[in-house]
Amino acid sequence: MLLAAPAILGPADAQPRRNPPPTANAQQSGAESRESIYYRNCAAARAAGVAPLYRGQPGYRPQLDGDGDGIACEPYRGRR
């Protein structure tokens, strides 16, 4: 039975790899996909497992934010 020798890492291998910055096309496609996410109502957002939605997140829209606090489809807690 032969055993593989352990790999020896040099200084270049020890550094974390960084992804190159996104190009203009990648940023544009991200904006398009963000706009294309749409939940008909909070039940649909909950079924997708994304509720609550926060202002600025994909799928958030003011119509789902009943109290206007920037959090859509938040759990209902009743009167306080």
N, C-alpha and C. Protein backbone atom coordinates (compact mmCIF):
# COMPACT_ATOMS: atom_id res chain seq x y z
N MET A 1 0.84 -1.17 0.00
CA MET A 1 0.00 0.00 0.00
C MET A 1 0.89 1.24 0.00
N LEU A 2 0.67 2.13 -0.93
CA LEU A 2 1.45 3.37 -1.02
C LEU A 2 0.64 4.51 -0.44
N LEU A 3 1.29 5.34 0.33
CA LEU A 3 0.65 6.52 0.90
C LEU A 3 1.18 7.76 0.20
N ALA A 4 0.31 8.69 -0.05
CA ALA A 4 0.71 9.94 -0.70
C ALA A 4 1.43 10.82 0.31
N ALA A 5 2.47 11.47 -0.15
CA ALA A 5 3.21 12.38 0.71
C ALA A 5 2.39 13.65 0.92
N PRO A 6 2.45 14.24 2.10
CA PRO A 6 1.69 15.48 2.33
C PRO A 6 2.22 16.61 1.46
N ALA A 7 1.32 17.45 1.01
CA ALA A 7 1.70 18.58 0.17
C ALA A 7 2.37 19.64 1.03
N ILE A 8 3.39 20.24 0.50
CA ILE A 8 4.09 21.32 1.20
C ILE A 8 3.67 22.62 0.54
N LEU A 9 3.11 23.51 1.36
CA LEU A 9 2.63 24.78 0.84
C LEU A 9 3.72 25.84 0.97
N GLY A 10 3.90 26.58 -0.09
CA GLY A 10 4.83 27.69 -0.06
C GLY A 10 4.11 28.97 0.33
N PRO A 11 4.82 30.10 0.43
CA PRO A 11 4.20 31.36 0.84
C PRO A 11 3.08 31.80 -0.10
N ALA A 12 3.22 31.52 -1.39
CA ALA A 12 2.18 31.93 -2.34
C ALA A 12 0.89 31.15 -2.11
N ASP A 13 1.02 29.89 -1.70
CA ASP A 13 -0.16 29.07 -1.46
C ASP A 13 -0.86 29.42 -0.15
N ALA A 14 -0.15 30.03 0.78
CA ALA A 14 -0.72 30.35 2.07
C ALA A 14 -1.62 31.58 2.02
N GLN A 15 -1.47 32.41 1.02
CA GLN A 15 -2.29 33.62 0.90
C GLN A 15 -3.68 33.28 0.37
N PRO A 16 -4.73 33.89 0.93
CA PRO A 16 -6.07 33.64 0.38
C PRO A 16 -6.17 34.20 -1.03
N ARG A 17 -6.91 33.51 -1.86
CA ARG A 17 -7.11 33.97 -3.23
C ARG A 17 -8.22 35.00 -3.26
N ARG A 18 -8.01 36.01 -4.02
CA ARG A 18 -9.01 37.08 -4.15
C ARG A 18 -9.57 37.07 -5.55
N ASN A 19 -10.86 37.25 -5.63
CA ASN A 19 -11.49 37.32 -6.94
C ASN A 19 -11.26 38.68 -7.55
N PRO A 20 -11.13 38.75 -8.86
CA PRO A 20 -10.96 40.05 -9.50
C PRO A 20 -12.24 40.88 -9.32
N PRO A 21 -12.13 42.21 -9.34
CA PRO A 21 -13.32 43.03 -9.19
C PRO A 21 -14.30 42.79 -10.34
N PRO A 22 -15.60 42.89 -10.07
CA PRO A 22 -16.57 42.64 -11.13
C PRO A 22 -16.49 43.69 -12.22
N THR A 23 -16.81 43.27 -13.41
CA THR A 23 -16.81 44.19 -14.54
C THR A 23 -18.14 44.93 -14.59
N ALA A 24 -18.23 45.92 -15.45
CA ALA A 24 -19.47 46.69 -15.59
C ALA A 24 -20.62 45.79 -16.01
N ASN A 25 -20.35 44.80 -16.88
CA ASN A 25 -21.40 43.89 -17.32
C ASN A 25 -21.92 43.05 -16.16
N ALA A 26 -21.03 42.61 -15.28
CA ALA A 26 -21.45 41.81 -14.14
C ALA A 26 -22.29 42.64 -13.18
N GLN A 27 -21.92 43.90 -12.97
CA GLN A 27 -22.70 44.76 -12.09
C GLN A 27 -24.07 45.02 -12.68
N GLN A 28 -24.14 45.21 -13.98
CA GLN A 28 -25.41 45.48 -14.62
C GLN A 28 -26.31 44.26 -14.51
N SER A 29 -25.79 43.06 -14.74
CA SER A 29 -26.62 41.87 -14.66
C SER A 29 -27.10 41.65 -13.24
N GLY A 30 -26.31 42.04 -12.22
CA GLY A 30 -26.74 41.93 -10.84
C GLY A 30 -27.91 42.85 -10.56
N ALA A 31 -27.87 44.06 -11.11
CA ALA A 31 -28.98 45.00 -10.92
C ALA A 31 -30.23 44.49 -11.62
N GLU A 32 -30.06 43.90 -12.79
CA GLU A 32 -31.22 43.37 -13.50
C GLU A 32 -31.85 42.22 -12.74
N SER A 33 -31.03 41.33 -12.17
CA SER A 33 -31.59 40.20 -11.44
C SER A 33 -32.26 40.67 -10.16
N ARG A 34 -31.73 41.72 -9.53
CA ARG A 34 -32.34 42.25 -8.32
C ARG A 34 -33.74 42.79 -8.62
N GLU A 35 -33.88 43.45 -9.75
CA GLU A 35 -35.18 44.00 -10.11
C GLU A 35 -36.15 42.91 -10.53
N SER A 36 -35.66 41.78 -11.01
CA SER A 36 -36.54 40.75 -11.50
C SER A 36 -37.10 39.87 -10.38
N ILE A 37 -36.60 39.99 -9.16
CA ILE A 37 -37.14 39.21 -8.05
C ILE A 37 -38.39 39.89 -7.55
N TYR A 38 -39.49 39.15 -7.57
CA TYR A 38 -40.78 39.72 -7.21
C TYR A 38 -41.58 38.69 -6.42
N TYR A 39 -42.08 39.09 -5.29
CA TYR A 39 -42.96 38.23 -4.51
C TYR A 39 -44.34 38.88 -4.52
N ARG A 40 -45.33 38.11 -4.90
CA ARG A 40 -46.69 38.64 -5.01
C ARG A 40 -47.19 39.13 -3.66
N ASN A 41 -46.84 38.42 -2.60
CA ASN A 41 -47.27 38.82 -1.26
C ASN A 41 -46.30 38.21 -0.25
N CYS A 42 -46.55 38.48 1.02
CA CYS A 42 -45.66 37.98 2.07
C CYS A 42 -45.72 36.46 2.19
N ALA A 43 -46.87 35.88 1.90
CA ALA A 43 -46.97 34.41 1.95
C ALA A 43 -46.00 33.79 0.94
N ALA A 44 -45.88 34.40 -0.23
CA ALA A 44 -44.96 33.90 -1.25
C ALA A 44 -43.51 34.08 -0.79
N ALA A 45 -43.20 35.21 -0.16
CA ALA A 45 -41.84 35.45 0.34
C ALA A 45 -41.51 34.46 1.46
N ARG A 46 -42.48 34.20 2.34
CA ARG A 46 -42.23 33.23 3.41
C ARG A 46 -42.05 31.83 2.85
N ALA A 47 -42.85 31.47 1.85
CA ALA A 47 -42.73 30.15 1.23
C ALA A 47 -41.36 29.98 0.57
N ALA A 48 -40.79 31.07 0.06
CA ALA A 48 -39.46 31.02 -0.56
C ALA A 48 -38.36 31.04 0.50
N GLY A 49 -38.73 31.29 1.76
CA GLY A 49 -37.75 31.28 2.85
C GLY A 49 -36.92 32.54 2.94
N VAL A 50 -37.43 33.67 2.44
CA VAL A 50 -36.64 34.89 2.45
C VAL A 50 -37.20 35.97 3.38
N ALA A 51 -38.34 35.72 4.01
CA ALA A 51 -38.94 36.72 4.89
C ALA A 51 -38.26 36.69 6.24
N PRO A 52 -38.07 37.81 6.88
CA PRO A 52 -38.44 39.16 6.45
C PRO A 52 -37.45 39.72 5.42
N LEU A 53 -37.94 40.63 4.62
CA LEU A 53 -37.13 41.32 3.61
C LEU A 53 -36.80 42.71 4.12
N TYR A 54 -35.57 43.12 3.96
CA TYR A 54 -35.15 44.45 4.41
C TYR A 54 -34.95 45.37 3.22
N ARG A 55 -35.23 46.66 3.44
CA ARG A 55 -35.08 47.65 2.37
C ARG A 55 -33.69 47.53 1.76
N GLY A 56 -33.64 47.45 0.43
CA GLY A 56 -32.39 47.30 -0.29
C GLY A 56 -32.10 45.86 -0.70
N GLN A 57 -32.78 44.90 -0.10
CA GLN A 57 -32.60 43.51 -0.48
C GLN A 57 -33.42 43.18 -1.71
N PRO A 58 -32.97 42.21 -2.50
CA PRO A 58 -33.75 41.78 -3.65
C PRO A 58 -35.13 41.28 -3.21
N GLY A 59 -36.17 41.72 -3.90
CA GLY A 59 -37.53 41.30 -3.59
C GLY A 59 -38.28 42.26 -2.68
N TYR A 60 -37.56 43.16 -1.97
CA TYR A 60 -38.24 44.12 -1.11
C TYR A 60 -38.98 45.13 -1.97
N ARG A 61 -40.18 45.47 -1.54
CA ARG A 61 -40.90 46.58 -2.15
C ARG A 61 -41.82 47.18 -1.09
N PRO A 62 -42.06 48.47 -1.17
CA PRO A 62 -42.84 49.15 -0.13
C PRO A 62 -44.24 48.57 0.08
N GLN A 63 -44.83 47.98 -0.95
CA GLN A 63 -46.17 47.42 -0.81
C GLN A 63 -46.20 46.25 0.18
N LEU A 64 -45.08 45.61 0.42
CA LEU A 64 -45.01 44.51 1.38
C LEU A 64 -44.66 44.98 2.78
N ASP A 65 -44.34 46.26 2.92
CA ASP A 65 -43.93 46.85 4.20
C ASP A 65 -45.08 47.68 4.74
N GLY A 66 -45.98 47.03 5.47
CA GLY A 66 -47.20 47.68 5.95
C GLY A 66 -46.98 48.87 6.86
N ASP A 67 -45.98 48.83 7.73
CA ASP A 67 -45.76 49.94 8.65
C ASP A 67 -44.66 50.90 8.22
N GLY A 68 -44.04 50.64 7.06
CA GLY A 68 -43.06 51.57 6.50
C GLY A 68 -41.75 51.67 7.27
N ASP A 69 -41.41 50.64 8.03
CA ASP A 69 -40.18 50.70 8.82
C ASP A 69 -38.95 50.13 8.12
N GLY A 70 -39.10 49.72 6.84
CA GLY A 70 -37.98 49.18 6.09
C GLY A 70 -37.85 47.68 6.19
N ILE A 71 -38.79 47.05 6.88
CA ILE A 71 -38.78 45.60 7.01
C ILE A 71 -40.12 45.08 6.49
N ALA A 72 -40.07 44.36 5.39
CA ALA A 72 -41.28 43.81 4.78
C ALA A 72 -41.48 42.38 5.23
N CYS A 73 -42.73 41.99 5.37
CA CYS A 73 -43.10 40.61 5.72
C CYS A 73 -42.53 40.18 7.07
N GLU A 74 -42.49 41.12 8.00
CA GLU A 74 -42.00 40.78 9.33
C GLU A 74 -43.08 40.03 10.09
N PRO A 75 -42.69 39.25 11.07
CA PRO A 75 -43.69 38.49 11.83
C PRO A 75 -44.66 39.43 12.55
N TYR A 76 -45.92 39.06 12.56
CA TYR A 76 -46.93 39.86 13.25
C TYR A 76 -46.91 39.48 14.72
N ARG A 77 -46.83 40.48 15.57
CA ARG A 77 -46.76 40.22 17.01
C ARG A 77 -48.01 40.69 17.74
N GLY A 78 -48.96 41.26 17.05
CA GLY A 78 -50.18 41.73 17.70
C GLY A 78 -49.96 43.04 18.44
N ARG A 79 -50.93 43.39 19.27
CA ARG A 79 -50.82 44.64 20.03
C ARG A 79 -49.81 44.51 21.17
N ARG A 80 -49.20 45.63 21.47
CA ARG A 80 -48.21 45.65 22.56
C ARG A 80 -48.77 46.35 23.75
